Each structure stands twice: as structure tokens, then as C-alpha cells.
Amino acid sequence: MATQWKNDQPIYLQLKEQIMAMIIDGILNEGEALPSVRKVAADYQINPITASKAYAELVDEGLVEKKRGLGMFILEGARKNLLNAEQKKFLEQEWPEIIKRISLLGLDAKQLIESATGKDKD
């Protein structure tokens, strides 16, 4: 299960983001145990310390908890919290750029709605 890691970002952050995306997508569910650090390290061919650092960040962000002797578990509300954070990030960072581009291109609401609903048969 080796993955292609990007060179411009630490591996532990990339792993953390992958786990967060899996929670948002419903691949990993609240209350569910995460794979052990050793399994993740073996599956992704990374150092166990790297996997452990990703897990520690997830704990620090209140998304997972460590249960002694049992492992790491996704907390209730983790998906909702992640969705809220991603929505806020989109609306504050990405949406303003999209609005600028729409304005620059001279698109109007009717064109956008037709495009979004598949009614633009040009």
C-alpha cells in the first residue's frame, strides 16, 4: 500500500491529511479504531515515528483519542468538525478567488446555474 509522497510537505502531515480525508469521506467512522502505528508504517513504508507524529497531531486536534492498551479511536463529532473546518476554509480562502475569476470572465448567475445543472447545451 505504498503511496507517492510529495516532496514539498513532511510525510507525517500528508498522512494526517489522508486520514482526515478518509474521515470526511466516511471511509473511517467515528468510534472506529485506527490501524496501529506499526501497521501504518509497514503499509505505507514509512518510519513508525512518522506515523506516530501524524497520530499525535490528530489527537492534538481533537479528532482521535488514545485508549491505553486498545489503540487510537476516532472521536464522536470528528467528521462534523472536519467538515465545518473545510467549509470555513473554502468560504474564506477559495471562494473569494472563484468569485474574482467569475467576475473577470464576465459570467452571470444564469450561466453558472445552467452550467451547474447541466442545462447549458452549447
PDB file of N, CA and C in Angstrom:
ATOM      1  N   MET A   1       0.827  -1.189   0.000  1.00  0.00           N
ATOM      2  CA  MET A   1       0.000   0.000   0.000  1.00  0.00           C
ATOM      3  C   MET A   1       0.876   1.260   0.000  1.00  0.00           C
ATOM      4  N   ALA A   2       2.016   1.202  -0.641  1.00  0.00           N
ATOM      5  CA  ALA A   2       2.905   2.355  -0.717  1.00  0.00           C
ATOM      6  C   ALA A   2       2.214   3.482  -1.459  1.00  0.00           C
ATOM      7  N   THR A   3       2.488   4.680  -1.025  1.00  0.00           N
ATOM      8  CA  THR A   3       1.891   5.846  -1.663  1.00  0.00           C
ATOM      9  C   THR A   3       2.997   6.764  -2.150  1.00  0.00           C
ATOM     10  N   GLN A   4       2.665   7.632  -3.073  1.00  0.00           N
ATOM     11  CA  GLN A   4       3.618   8.616  -3.567  1.00  0.00           C
ATOM     12  C   GLN A   4       3.558   9.825  -2.637  1.00  0.00           C
ATOM     13  N   TRP A   5       4.627  10.079  -1.934  1.00  0.00           N
ATOM     14  CA  TRP A   5       4.678  11.222  -1.035  1.00  0.00           C
ATOM     15  C   TRP A   5       5.217  12.426  -1.790  1.00  0.00           C
ATOM     16  N   LYS A   6       4.642  13.586  -1.533  1.00  0.00           N
ATOM     17  CA  LYS A   6       5.113  14.831  -2.139  1.00  0.00           C
ATOM     18  C   LYS A   6       6.367  15.295  -1.402  1.00  0.00           C
ATOM     19  N   ASN A   7       7.251  15.910  -2.131  1.00  0.00           N
ATOM     20  CA  ASN A   7       8.495  16.385  -1.539  1.00  0.00           C
ATOM     21  C   ASN A   7       8.363  17.729  -0.837  1.00  0.00           C
ATOM     22  N   ASP A   8       7.270  18.450  -1.095  1.00  0.00           N
ATOM     23  CA  ASP A   8       7.143  19.809  -0.567  1.00  0.00           C
ATOM     24  C   ASP A   8       6.439  19.886   0.791  1.00  0.00           C
ATOM     25  N   GLN A   9       6.144  18.725   1.372  1.00  0.00           N
ATOM     26  CA  GLN A   9       5.438  18.700   2.651  1.00  0.00           C
ATOM     27  C   GLN A   9       5.899  17.483   3.436  1.00  0.00           C
ATOM     28  N   PRO A  10       6.095  17.625   4.762  1.00  0.00           N
ATOM     29  CA  PRO A  10       6.504  16.468   5.558  1.00  0.00           C
ATOM     30  C   PRO A  10       5.515  15.308   5.427  1.00  0.00           C
ATOM     31  N   ILE A  11       6.038  14.091   5.446  1.00  0.00           N
ATOM     32  CA  ILE A  11       5.213  12.894   5.274  1.00  0.00           C
ATOM     33  C   ILE A  11       4.161  12.786   6.371  1.00  0.00           C
ATOM     34  N   TYR A  12       4.519  13.127   7.608  1.00  0.00           N
ATOM     35  CA  TYR A  12       3.534  12.990   8.687  1.00  0.00           C
ATOM     36  C   TYR A  12       2.315  13.886   8.438  1.00  0.00           C
ATOM     37  N   LEU A  13       2.527  15.075   7.861  1.00  0.00           N
ATOM     38  CA  LEU A  13       1.391  15.954   7.548  1.00  0.00           C
ATOM     39  C   LEU A  13       0.550  15.384   6.415  1.00  0.00           C
ATOM     40  N   GLN A  14       1.196  14.790   5.429  1.00  0.00           N
ATOM     41  CA  GLN A  14       0.471  14.174   4.323  1.00  0.00           C
ATOM     42  C   GLN A  14      -0.360  12.999   4.831  1.00  0.00           C
ATOM     43  N   LEU A  15       0.217  12.200   5.724  1.00  0.00           N
ATOM     44  CA  LEU A  15      -0.513  11.070   6.309  1.00  0.00           C
ATOM     45  C   LEU A  15      -1.695  11.576   7.120  1.00  0.00           C
ATOM     46  N   LYS A  16      -1.470  12.607   7.922  1.00  0.00           N
ATOM     47  CA  LYS A  16      -2.552  13.195   8.717  1.00  0.00           C
ATOM     48  C   LYS A  16      -3.683  13.664   7.804  1.00  0.00           C
ATOM     49  N   GLU A  17      -3.341  14.345   6.715  1.00  0.00           N
ATOM     50  CA  GLU A  17      -4.359  14.830   5.784  1.00  0.00           C
ATOM     51  C   GLU A  17      -5.102  13.681   5.107  1.00  0.00           C
ATOM     52  N   GLN A  18      -4.400  12.596   4.810  1.00  0.00           N
ATOM     53  CA  GLN A  18      -5.070  11.426   4.229  1.00  0.00           C
ATOM     54  C   GLN A  18      -6.080  10.841   5.211  1.00  0.00           C
ATOM     55  N   ILE A  19      -5.695  10.743   6.466  1.00  0.00           N
ATOM     56  CA  ILE A  19      -6.604  10.203   7.483  1.00  0.00           C
ATOM     57  C   ILE A  19      -7.811  11.128   7.651  1.00  0.00           C
ATOM     58  N   MET A  20      -7.560  12.432   7.674  1.00  0.00           N
ATOM     59  CA  MET A  20      -8.661  13.394   7.787  1.00  0.00           C
ATOM     60  C   MET A  20      -9.614  13.268   6.600  1.00  0.00           C
ATOM     61  N   ALA A  21      -9.069  13.117   5.408  1.00  0.00           N
ATOM     62  CA  ALA A  21      -9.912  12.955   4.214  1.00  0.00           C
ATOM     63  C   ALA A  21     -10.729  11.669   4.306  1.00  0.00           C
ATOM     64  N   MET A  22     -10.140  10.618   4.849  1.00  0.00           N
ATOM     65  CA  MET A  22     -10.858   9.343   4.998  1.00  0.00           C
ATOM     66  C   MET A  22     -11.994   9.469   6.016  1.00  0.00           C
ATOM     67  N   ILE A  23     -11.800  10.306   7.023  1.00  0.00           N
ATOM     68  CA  ILE A  23     -12.878  10.546   7.999  1.00  0.00           C
ATOM     69  C   ILE A  23     -14.003  11.332   7.325  1.00  0.00           C
ATOM     70  N   ILE A  24     -13.653  12.382   6.592  1.00  0.00           N
ATOM     71  CA  ILE A  24     -14.667  13.190   5.899  1.00  0.00           C
ATOM     72  C   ILE A  24     -15.442  12.336   4.901  1.00  0.00           C
ATOM     73  N   ASP A  25     -14.729  11.489   4.159  1.00  0.00           N
ATOM     74  CA  ASP A  25     -15.352  10.654   3.131  1.00  0.00           C
ATOM     75  C   ASP A  25     -16.139   9.475   3.703  1.00  0.00           C
ATOM     76  N   GLY A  26     -16.044   9.255   5.027  1.00  0.00           N
ATOM     77  CA  GLY A  26     -16.778   8.153   5.646  1.00  0.00           C
ATOM     78  C   GLY A  26     -16.093   6.808   5.509  1.00  0.00           C
ATOM     79  N   ILE A  27     -14.855   6.803   5.057  1.00  0.00           N
ATOM     80  CA  ILE A  27     -14.090   5.552   4.964  1.00  0.00           C
ATOM     81  C   ILE A  27     -13.698   5.101   6.368  1.00  0.00           C
ATOM     82  N   LEU A  28     -13.342   6.074   7.200  1.00  0.00           N
ATOM     83  CA  LEU A  28     -13.092   5.822   8.620  1.00  0.00           C
ATOM     84  C   LEU A  28     -14.225   6.476   9.392  1.00  0.00           C
ATOM     85  N   ASN A  29     -14.837   5.733  10.290  1.00  0.00           N
ATOM     86  CA  ASN A  29     -16.025   6.204  11.001  1.00  0.00           C
ATOM     87  C   ASN A  29     -15.736   6.520  12.455  1.00  0.00           C
ATOM     88  N   GLU A  30     -16.545   7.417  13.005  1.00  0.00           N
ATOM     89  CA  GLU A  30     -16.429   7.781  14.412  1.00  0.00           C
ATOM     90  C   GLU A  30     -16.608   6.546  15.282  1.00  0.00           C
ATOM     91  N   GLY A  31     -15.761   6.447  16.307  1.00  0.00           N
ATOM     92  CA  GLY A  31     -15.796   5.307  17.211  1.00  0.00           C
ATOM     93  C   GLY A  31     -14.941   4.144  16.735  1.00  0.00           C
ATOM     94  N   GLU A  32     -14.489   4.219  15.505  1.00  0.00           N
ATOM     95  CA  GLU A  32     -13.692   3.149  14.897  1.00  0.00           C
ATOM     96  C   GLU A  32     -12.219   3.302  15.282  1.00  0.00           C
ATOM     97  N   ALA A  33     -11.543   2.172  15.430  1.00  0.00           N
ATOM     98  CA  ALA A  33     -10.114   2.187  15.731  1.00  0.00           C
ATOM     99  C   ALA A  33      -9.309   2.471  14.470  1.00  0.00           C
ATOM    100  N   LEU A  34      -8.274   3.266  14.628  1.00  0.00           N
ATOM    101  CA  LEU A  34      -7.318   3.465  13.544  1.00  0.00           C
ATOM    102  C   LEU A  34      -6.362   2.275  13.527  1.00  0.00           C
ATOM    103  N   PRO A  35      -5.782   1.979  12.387  1.00  0.00           N
ATOM    104  CA  PRO A  35      -4.766   0.921  12.353  1.00  0.00           C
ATOM    105  C   PRO A  35      -3.606   1.305  13.278  1.00  0.00           C
ATOM    106  N   SER A  36      -2.909   0.315  13.786  1.00  0.00           N
ATOM    107  CA  SER A  36      -1.786   0.600  14.674  1.00  0.00           C
ATOM    108  C   SER A  36      -0.693   1.368  13.936  1.00  0.00           C
ATOM    109  N   VAL A  37       0.120   2.066  14.707  1.00  0.00           N
ATOM    110  CA  VAL A  37       1.244   2.810  14.142  1.00  0.00           C
ATOM    111  C   VAL A  37       2.142   1.865  13.350  1.00  0.00           C
ATOM    112  N   ARG A  38       2.399   0.689  13.892  1.00  0.00           N
ATOM    113  CA  ARG A  38       3.271  -0.277  13.201  1.00  0.00           C
ATOM    114  C   ARG A  38       2.675  -0.720  11.867  1.00  0.00           C
ATOM    115  N   LYS A  39       1.366  -0.946  11.851  1.00  0.00           N
ATOM    116  CA  LYS A  39       0.721  -1.364  10.600  1.00  0.00           C
ATOM    117  C   LYS A  39       0.768  -0.258   9.561  1.00  0.00           C
ATOM    118  N   VAL A  40       0.482   0.955   9.985  1.00  0.00           N
ATOM    119  CA  VAL A  40       0.533   2.092   9.062  1.00  0.00           C
ATOM    120  C   VAL A  40       1.948   2.260   8.520  1.00  0.00           C
ATOM    121  N   ALA A  41       2.925   2.173   9.411  1.00  0.00           N
ATOM    122  CA  ALA A  41       4.323   2.319   8.987  1.00  0.00           C
ATOM    123  C   ALA A  41       4.696   1.238   7.976  1.00  0.00           C
ATOM    124  N   ALA A  42       4.275   0.018   8.217  1.00  0.00           N
ATOM    125  CA  ALA A  42       4.579  -1.076   7.289  1.00  0.00           C
ATOM    126  C   ALA A  42       3.827  -0.919   5.973  1.00  0.00           C
ATOM    127  N   ASP A  43       2.541  -0.605   6.047  1.00  0.00           N
ATOM    128  CA  ASP A  43       1.721  -0.466   4.838  1.00  0.00           C
ATOM    129  C   ASP A  43       2.199   0.670   3.940  1.00  0.00           C
ATOM    130  N   TYR A  44       2.565   1.780   4.552  1.00  0.00           N
ATOM    131  CA  TYR A  44       2.975   2.958   3.785  1.00  0.00           C
ATOM    132  C   TYR A  44       4.485   3.067   3.609  1.00  0.00           C
ATOM    133  N   GLN A  45       5.201   2.108   4.155  1.00  0.00           N
ATOM    134  CA  GLN A  45       6.668   2.071   4.063  1.00  0.00           C
ATOM    135  C   GLN A  45       7.287   3.366   4.583  1.00  0.00           C
ATOM    136  N   ILE A  46       6.868   3.733   5.805  1.00  0.00           N
ATOM    137  CA  ILE A  46       7.415   4.918   6.456  1.00  0.00           C
ATOM    138  C   ILE A  46       7.915   4.535   7.842  1.00  0.00           C
ATOM    139  N   ASN A  47       8.665   5.422   8.446  1.00  0.00           N
ATOM    140  CA  ASN A  47       9.179   5.218   9.789  1.00  0.00           C
ATOM    141  C   ASN A  47       8.023   5.253  10.793  1.00  0.00           C
ATOM    142  N   PRO A  48       8.000   4.339  11.761  1.00  0.00           N
ATOM    143  CA  PRO A  48       6.925   4.369  12.770  1.00  0.00           C
ATOM    144  C   PRO A  48       6.842   5.703  13.522  1.00  0.00           C
ATOM    145  N   ILE A  49       7.966   6.390  13.685  1.00  0.00           N
ATOM    146  CA  ILE A  49       7.960   7.696  14.354  1.00  0.00           C
ATOM    147  C   ILE A  49       7.157   8.706  13.526  1.00  0.00           C
ATOM    148  N   THR A  50       7.245   8.602  12.208  1.00  0.00           N
ATOM    149  CA  THR A  50       6.488   9.478  11.313  1.00  0.00           C
ATOM    150  C   THR A  50       4.989   9.230  11.479  1.00  0.00           C
ATOM    151  N   ALA A  51       4.596   7.966  11.496  1.00  0.00           N
ATOM    152  CA  ALA A  51       3.180   7.622  11.684  1.00  0.00           C
ATOM    153  C   ALA A  51       2.700   8.077  13.056  1.00  0.00           C
ATOM    154  N   SER A  52       3.539   7.887  14.051  1.00  0.00           N
ATOM    155  CA  SER A  52       3.185   8.287  15.408  1.00  0.00           C
ATOM    156  C   SER A  52       2.993   9.796  15.509  1.00  0.00           C
ATOM    157  N   LYS A  53       3.815  10.551  14.790  1.00  0.00           N
ATOM    158  CA  LYS A  53       3.691  12.012  14.797  1.00  0.00           C
ATOM    159  C   LYS A  53       2.368  12.445  14.153  1.00  0.00           C
ATOM    160  N   ALA A  54       1.979  11.786  13.077  1.00  0.00           N
ATOM    161  CA  ALA A  54       0.686  12.094  12.432  1.00  0.00           C
ATOM    162  C   ALA A  54      -0.458  11.818  13.403  1.00  0.00           C
ATOM    163  N   TYR A  55      -0.396  10.683  14.091  1.00  0.00           N
ATOM    164  CA  TYR A  55      -1.437  10.334  15.055  1.00  0.00           C
ATOM    165  C   TYR A  55      -1.474  11.342  16.205  1.00  0.00           C
ATOM    166  N   ALA A  56      -0.301  11.771  16.678  1.00  0.00           N
ATOM    167  CA  ALA A  56      -0.241  12.742  17.777  1.00  0.00           C
ATOM    168  C   ALA A  56      -0.909  14.052  17.373  1.00  0.00           C
ATOM    169  N   GLU A  57      -0.726  14.472  16.129  1.00  0.00           N
ATOM    170  CA  GLU A  57      -1.374  15.701  15.656  1.00  0.00           C
ATOM    171  C   GLU A  57      -2.891  15.538  15.612  1.00  0.00           C
ATOM    172  N   LEU A  58      -3.348  14.350  15.226  1.00  0.00           N
ATOM    173  CA  LEU A  58      -4.796  14.095  15.204  1.00  0.00           C
ATOM    174  C   LEU A  58      -5.370  14.147  16.621  1.00  0.00           C
ATOM    175  N   VAL A  59      -4.604  13.667  17.595  1.00  0.00           N
ATOM    176  CA  VAL A  59      -5.021  13.746  18.996  1.00  0.00           C
ATOM    177  C   VAL A  59      -5.071  15.212  19.418  1.00  0.00           C
ATOM    178  N   ASP A  60      -4.007  15.960  19.100  1.00  0.00           N
ATOM    179  CA  ASP A  60      -3.932  17.377  19.473  1.00  0.00           C
ATOM    180  C   ASP A  60      -5.084  18.185  18.884  1.00  0.00           C
ATOM    181  N   GLU A  61      -5.556  17.780  17.715  1.00  0.00           N
ATOM    182  CA  GLU A  61      -6.656  18.500  17.056  1.00  0.00           C
ATOM    183  C   GLU A  61      -8.028  18.004  17.507  1.00  0.00           C
ATOM    184  N   GLY A  62      -8.054  17.060  18.444  1.00  0.00           N
ATOM    185  CA  GLY A  62      -9.318  16.594  19.000  1.00  0.00           C
ATOM    186  C   GLY A  62     -10.117  15.695  18.079  1.00  0.00           C
ATOM    187  N   LEU A  63      -9.431  15.022  17.170  1.00  0.00           N
ATOM    188  CA  LEU A  63     -10.115  14.145  16.216  1.00  0.00           C
ATOM    189  C   LEU A  63     -10.061  12.679  16.629  1.00  0.00           C
ATOM    190  N   VAL A  64      -9.006  12.295  17.317  1.00  0.00           N
ATOM    191  CA  VAL A  64      -8.871  10.915  17.789  1.00  0.00           C
ATOM    192  C   VAL A  64      -8.409  10.928  19.240  1.00  0.00           C
ATOM    193  N   GLU A  65      -8.618   9.803  19.896  1.00  0.00           N
ATOM    194  CA  GLU A  65      -8.145   9.656  21.267  1.00  0.00           C
ATOM    195  C   GLU A  65      -7.410   8.339  21.414  1.00  0.00           C
ATOM    196  N   LYS A  66      -6.451   8.344  22.311  1.00  0.00           N
ATOM    197  CA  LYS A  66      -5.688   7.128  22.590  1.00  0.00           C
ATOM    198  C   LYS A  66      -6.301   6.446  23.809  1.00  0.00           C
ATOM    199  N   LYS A  67      -6.652   5.177  23.617  1.00  0.00           N
ATOM    200  CA  LYS A  67      -7.162   4.376  24.731  1.00  0.00           C
ATOM    201  C   LYS A  67      -6.067   3.386  25.093  1.00  0.00           C
ATOM    202  N   ARG A  68      -5.551   3.541  26.293  1.00  0.00           N
ATOM    203  CA  ARG A  68      -4.423   2.729  26.732  1.00  0.00           C
ATOM    204  C   ARG A  68      -4.696   1.242  26.533  1.00  0.00           C
ATOM    205  N   GLY A  69      -3.775   0.613  25.835  1.00  0.00           N
ATOM    206  CA  GLY A  69      -3.864  -0.822  25.598  1.00  0.00           C
ATOM    207  C   GLY A  69      -4.801  -1.214  24.461  1.00  0.00           C
ATOM    208  N   LEU A  70      -5.547  -0.257  23.926  1.00  0.00           N
ATOM    209  CA  LEU A  70      -6.503  -0.566  22.861  1.00  0.00           C
ATOM    210  C   LEU A  70      -6.156   0.089  21.529  1.00  0.00           C
ATOM    211  N   GLY A  71      -5.523   1.257  21.587  1.00  0.00           N
ATOM    212  CA  GLY A  71      -5.148   1.953  20.359  1.00  0.00           C
ATOM    213  C   GLY A  71      -5.794   3.314  20.237  1.00  0.00           C
ATOM    214  N   MET A  72      -5.817   3.806  19.006  1.00  0.00           N
ATOM    215  CA  MET A  72      -6.369   5.121  18.705  1.00  0.00           C
ATOM    216  C   MET A  72      -7.767   4.966  18.115  1.00  0.00           C
ATOM    217  N   PHE A  73      -8.691   5.815  18.565  1.00  0.00           N
ATOM    218  CA  PHE A  73     -10.075   5.751  18.114  1.00  0.00           C
ATOM    219  C   PHE A  73     -10.546   7.130  17.652  1.00  0.00           C
ATOM    220  N   ILE A  74     -11.339   7.141  16.607  1.00  0.00           N
ATOM    221  CA  ILE A  74     -11.882   8.384  16.074  1.00  0.00           C
ATOM    222  C   ILE A  74     -12.997   8.853  17.006  1.00  0.00           C
ATOM    223  N   LEU A  75     -12.907  10.101  17.418  1.00  0.00           N
ATOM    224  CA  LEU A  75     -13.869  10.658  18.363  1.00  0.00           C
ATOM    225  C   LEU A  75     -15.203  10.983  17.693  1.00  0.00           C
ATOM    226  N   GLU A  76     -16.260  10.901  18.479  1.00  0.00           N
ATOM    227  CA  GLU A  76     -17.575  11.337  18.023  1.00  0.00           C
ATOM    228  C   GLU A  76     -17.489  12.827  17.676  1.00  0.00           C
ATOM    229  N   GLY A  77     -18.085  13.204  16.582  1.00  0.00           N
ATOM    230  CA  GLY A  77     -18.067  14.597  16.154  1.00  0.00           C
ATOM    231  C   GLY A  77     -16.864  14.961  15.295  1.00  0.00           C
ATOM    232  N   ALA A  78     -15.939  14.032  15.092  1.00  0.00           N
ATOM    233  CA  ALA A  78     -14.740  14.330  14.307  1.00  0.00           C
ATOM    234  C   ALA A  78     -15.096  14.709  12.871  1.00  0.00           C
ATOM    235  N   ARG A  79     -15.987  13.953  12.253  1.00  0.00           N
ATOM    236  CA  ARG A  79     -16.369  14.234  10.866  1.00  0.00           C
ATOM    237  C   ARG A  79     -17.025  15.614  10.745  1.00  0.00           C
ATOM    238  N   LYS A  80     -17.930  15.908  11.656  1.00  0.00           N
ATOM    239  CA  LYS A  80     -18.623  17.199  11.634  1.00  0.00           C
ATOM    240  C   LYS A  80     -17.625  18.340  11.821  1.00  0.00           C
ATOM    241  N   ASN A  81     -16.699  18.178  12.755  1.00  0.00           N
ATOM    242  CA  ASN A  81     -15.697  19.214  12.992  1.00  0.00           C
ATOM    243  C   ASN A  81     -14.809  19.424  11.767  1.00  0.00           C
ATOM    244  N   LEU A  82     -14.436  18.327  11.117  1.00  0.00           N
ATOM    245  CA  LEU A  82     -13.610  18.433   9.916  1.00  0.00           C
ATOM    246  C   LEU A  82     -14.376  19.108   8.781  1.00  0.00           C
ATOM    247  N   LEU A  83     -15.645  18.730   8.610  1.00  0.00           N
ATOM    248  CA  LEU A  83     -16.473  19.355   7.571  1.00  0.00           C
ATOM    249  C   LEU A  83     -16.630  20.852   7.822  1.00  0.00           C
ATOM    250  N   ASN A  84     -16.886  21.217   9.065  1.00  0.00           N
ATOM    251  CA  ASN A  84     -17.023  22.635   9.404  1.00  0.00           C
ATOM    252  C   ASN A  84     -15.744  23.402   9.097  1.00  0.00           C
ATOM    253  N   ALA A  85     -14.605  22.819   9.449  1.00  0.00           N
ATOM    254  CA  ALA A  85     -13.315  23.475   9.193  1.00  0.00           C
ATOM    255  C   ALA A  85     -13.055  23.608   7.694  1.00  0.00           C
ATOM    256  N   GLU A  86     -13.377  22.564   6.935  1.00  0.00           N
ATOM    257  CA  GLU A  86     -13.159  22.605   5.479  1.00  0.00           C
ATOM    258  C   GLU A  86     -14.103  23.607   4.810  1.00  0.00           C
ATOM    259  N   GLN A  87     -15.349  23.674   5.287  1.00  0.00           N
ATOM    260  CA  GLN A  87     -16.290  24.656   4.747  1.00  0.00           C
ATOM    261  C   GLN A  87     -15.800  26.073   5.010  1.00  0.00           C
ATOM    262  N   LYS A  88     -15.348  26.322   6.224  1.00  0.00           N
ATOM    263  CA  LYS A  88     -14.841  27.641   6.586  1.00  0.00           C
ATOM    264  C   LYS A  88     -13.631  27.996   5.731  1.00  0.00           C
ATOM    265  N   LYS A  89     -12.720  27.057   5.579  1.00  0.00           N
ATOM    266  CA  LYS A  89     -11.523  27.280   4.756  1.00  0.00           C
ATOM    267  C   LYS A  89     -11.920  27.599   3.315  1.00  0.00           C
ATOM    268  N   PHE A  90     -12.870  26.835   2.772  1.00  0.00           N
ATOM    269  CA  PHE A  90     -13.328  27.079   1.404  1.00  0.00           C
ATOM    270  C   PHE A  90     -13.913  28.473   1.257  1.00  0.00           C
ATOM    271  N   LEU A  91     -14.821  28.825   2.165  1.00  0.00           N
ATOM    272  CA  LEU A  91     -15.512  30.115   2.061  1.00  0.00           C
ATOM    273  C   LEU A  91     -14.571  31.301   2.271  1.00  0.00           C
ATOM    274  N   GLU A  92     -13.558  31.127   3.106  1.00  0.00           N
ATOM    275  CA  GLU A  92     -12.644  32.233   3.400  1.00  0.00           C
ATOM    276  C   GLU A  92     -11.470  32.326   2.429  1.00  0.00           C
ATOM    277  N   GLN A  93     -11.006  31.184   1.907  1.00  0.00           N
ATOM    278  CA  GLN A  93      -9.797  31.196   1.099  1.00  0.00           C
ATOM    279  C   GLN A  93     -10.044  30.919  -0.381  1.00  0.00           C
ATOM    280  N   GLU A  94     -10.844  29.923  -0.687  1.00  0.00           N
ATOM    281  CA  GLU A  94     -11.018  29.514  -2.078  1.00  0.00           C
ATOM    282  C   GLU A  94     -12.150  30.265  -2.785  1.00  0.00           C
ATOM    283  N   TRP A  95     -13.270  30.439  -2.107  1.00  0.00           N
ATOM    284  CA  TRP A  95     -14.431  31.069  -2.733  1.00  0.00           C
ATOM    285  C   TRP A  95     -14.139  32.483  -3.225  1.00  0.00           C
ATOM    286  N   PRO A  96     -13.449  33.320  -2.446  1.00  0.00           N
ATOM    287  CA  PRO A  96     -13.153  34.666  -2.962  1.00  0.00           C
ATOM    288  C   PRO A  96     -12.366  34.640  -4.282  1.00  0.00           C
ATOM    289  N   GLU A  97     -11.478  33.687  -4.438  1.00  0.00           N
ATOM    290  CA  GLU A  97     -10.730  33.564  -5.697  1.00  0.00           C
ATOM    291  C   GLU A  97     -11.641  33.136  -6.845  1.00  0.00           C
ATOM    292  N   ILE A  98     -12.582  32.256  -6.547  1.00  0.00           N
ATOM    293  CA  ILE A  98     -13.540  31.815  -7.564  1.00  0.00           C
ATOM    294  C   ILE A  98     -14.419  32.987  -7.992  1.00  0.00           C
ATOM    295  N   ILE A  99     -14.871  33.777  -7.028  1.00  0.00           N
ATOM    296  CA  ILE A  99     -15.708  34.945  -7.336  1.00  0.00           C
ATOM    297  C   ILE A  99     -14.938  35.930  -8.221  1.00  0.00           C
ATOM    298  N   LYS A 100     -13.669  36.145  -7.903  1.00  0.00           N
ATOM    299  CA  LYS A 100     -12.845  37.034  -8.735  1.00  0.00           C
ATOM    300  C   LYS A 100     -12.766  36.517 -10.161  1.00  0.00           C
ATOM    301  N   ARG A 101     -12.576  35.223 -10.314  1.00  0.00           N
ATOM    302  CA  ARG A 101     -12.456  34.615 -11.645  1.00  0.00           C
ATOM    303  C   ARG A 101     -13.776  34.728 -12.411  1.00  0.00           C
ATOM    304  N   ILE A 102     -14.891  34.487 -11.732  1.00  0.00           N
ATOM    305  CA  ILE A 102     -16.212  34.614 -12.353  1.00  0.00           C
ATOM    306  C   ILE A 102     -16.409  36.040 -12.859  1.00  0.00           C
ATOM    307  N   SER A 103     -16.054  37.005 -12.031  1.00  0.00           N
ATOM    308  CA  SER A 103     -16.198  38.407 -12.402  1.00  0.00           C
ATOM    309  C   SER A 103     -15.286  38.757 -13.572  1.00  0.00           C
ATOM    310  N   LEU A 104     -14.071  38.292 -13.522  1.00  0.00           N
ATOM    311  CA  LEU A 104     -13.104  38.552 -14.592  1.00  0.00           C
ATOM    312  C   LEU A 104     -13.598  38.020 -15.936  1.00  0.00           C
ATOM    313  N   LEU A 105     -14.238  36.851 -15.895  1.00  0.00           N
ATOM    314  CA  LEU A 105     -14.739  36.218 -17.116  1.00  0.00           C
ATOM    315  C   LEU A 105     -16.093  36.776 -17.560  1.00  0.00           C
ATOM    316  N   GLY A 106     -16.704  37.585 -16.718  1.00  0.00           N
ATOM    317  CA  GLY A 106     -17.984  38.187 -17.076  1.00  0.00           C
ATOM    318  C   GLY A 106     -19.145  37.214 -17.071  1.00  0.00           C
ATOM    319  N   LEU A 107     -19.037  36.175 -16.263  1.00  0.00           N
ATOM    320  CA  LEU A 107     -20.129  35.200 -16.183  1.00  0.00           C
ATOM    321  C   LEU A 107     -21.241  35.745 -15.304  1.00  0.00           C
ATOM    322  N   ASP A 108     -22.492  35.397 -15.649  1.00  0.00           N
ATOM    323  CA  ASP A 108     -23.608  35.825 -14.809  1.00  0.00           C
ATOM    324  C   ASP A 108     -24.220  34.614 -14.113  1.00  0.00           C
ATOM    325  N   ALA A 109     -25.121  34.896 -13.176  1.00  0.00           N
ATOM    326  CA  ALA A 109     -25.720  33.838 -12.359  1.00  0.00           C
ATOM    327  C   ALA A 109     -26.436  32.795 -13.214  1.00  0.00           C
ATOM    328  N   LYS A 110     -27.145  33.257 -14.252  1.00  0.00           N
ATOM    329  CA  LYS A 110     -27.885  32.334 -15.113  1.00  0.00           C
ATOM    330  C   LYS A 110     -26.931  31.328 -15.773  1.00  0.00           C
ATOM    331  N   GLN A 111     -25.815  31.810 -16.285  1.00  0.00           N
ATOM    332  CA  GLN A 111     -24.839  30.915 -16.919  1.00  0.00           C
ATOM    333  C   GLN A 111     -24.291  29.896 -15.914  1.00  0.00           C
ATOM    334  N   LEU A 112     -24.008  30.368 -14.727  1.00  0.00           N
ATOM    335  CA  LEU A 112     -23.451  29.482 -13.703  1.00  0.00           C
ATOM    336  C   LEU A 112     -24.454  28.404 -13.294  1.00  0.00           C
ATOM    337  N   ILE A 113     -25.709  28.804 -13.115  1.00  0.00           N
ATOM    338  CA  ILE A 113     -26.754  27.852 -12.726  1.00  0.00           C
ATOM    339  C   ILE A 113     -26.979  26.835 -13.836  1.00  0.00           C
ATOM    340  N   GLU A 114     -27.034  27.309 -15.077  1.00  0.00           N
ATOM    341  CA  GLU A 114     -27.217  26.384 -16.197  1.00  0.00           C
ATOM    342  C   GLU A 114     -26.059  25.402 -16.296  1.00  0.00           C
ATOM    343  N   SER A 115     -24.866  25.883 -16.074  1.00  0.00           N
ATOM    344  CA  SER A 115     -23.689  25.016 -16.134  1.00  0.00           C
ATOM    345  C   SER A 115     -23.720  23.986 -14.996  1.00  0.00           C
ATOM    346  N   ALA A 116     -24.088  24.436 -13.811  1.00  0.00           N
ATOM    347  CA  ALA A 116     -24.111  23.552 -12.644  1.00  0.00           C
ATOM    348  C   ALA A 116     -25.202  22.491 -12.743  1.00  0.00           C
ATOM    349  N   THR A 117     -26.303  22.836 -13.401  1.00  0.00           N
ATOM    350  CA  THR A 117     -27.420  21.900 -13.506  1.00  0.00           C
ATOM    351  C   THR A 117     -27.397  21.091 -14.796  1.00  0.00           C
ATOM    352  N   GLY A 118     -26.404  21.352 -15.643  1.00  0.00           N
ATOM    353  CA  GLY A 118     -26.281  20.602 -16.893  1.00  0.00           C
ATOM    354  C   GLY A 118     -27.219  21.063 -17.980  1.00  0.00           C
ATOM    355  N   LYS A 119     -27.746  22.271 -17.838  1.00  0.00           N
ATOM    356  CA  LYS A 119     -28.707  22.781 -18.820  1.00  0.00           C
ATOM    357  C   LYS A 119     -28.055  23.654 -19.884  1.00  0.00           C
ATOM    358  N   ASP A 120     -26.727  23.709 -19.888  1.00  0.00           N
ATOM    359  CA  ASP A 120     -26.039  24.518 -20.905  1.00  0.00           C
ATOM    360  C   ASP A 120     -25.640  23.612 -22.065  1.00  0.00           C
ATOM    361  N   LYS A 121     -26.471  23.514 -23.042  1.00  0.00           N
ATOM    362  CA  LYS A 121     -26.278  22.602 -24.176  1.00  0.00           C
ATOM    363  C   LYS A 121     -25.631  23.320 -25.361  1.00  0.00           C
ATOM    364  N   ASP A 122     -24.535  24.045 -25.105  1.00  0.00           N
ATOM    365  CA  ASP A 122     -23.863  24.758 -26.202  1.00  0.00           C
ATOM    366  C   ASP A 122     -23.056  23.818 -27.049  1.00  0.00           C
TER     367      ASP A 122
END
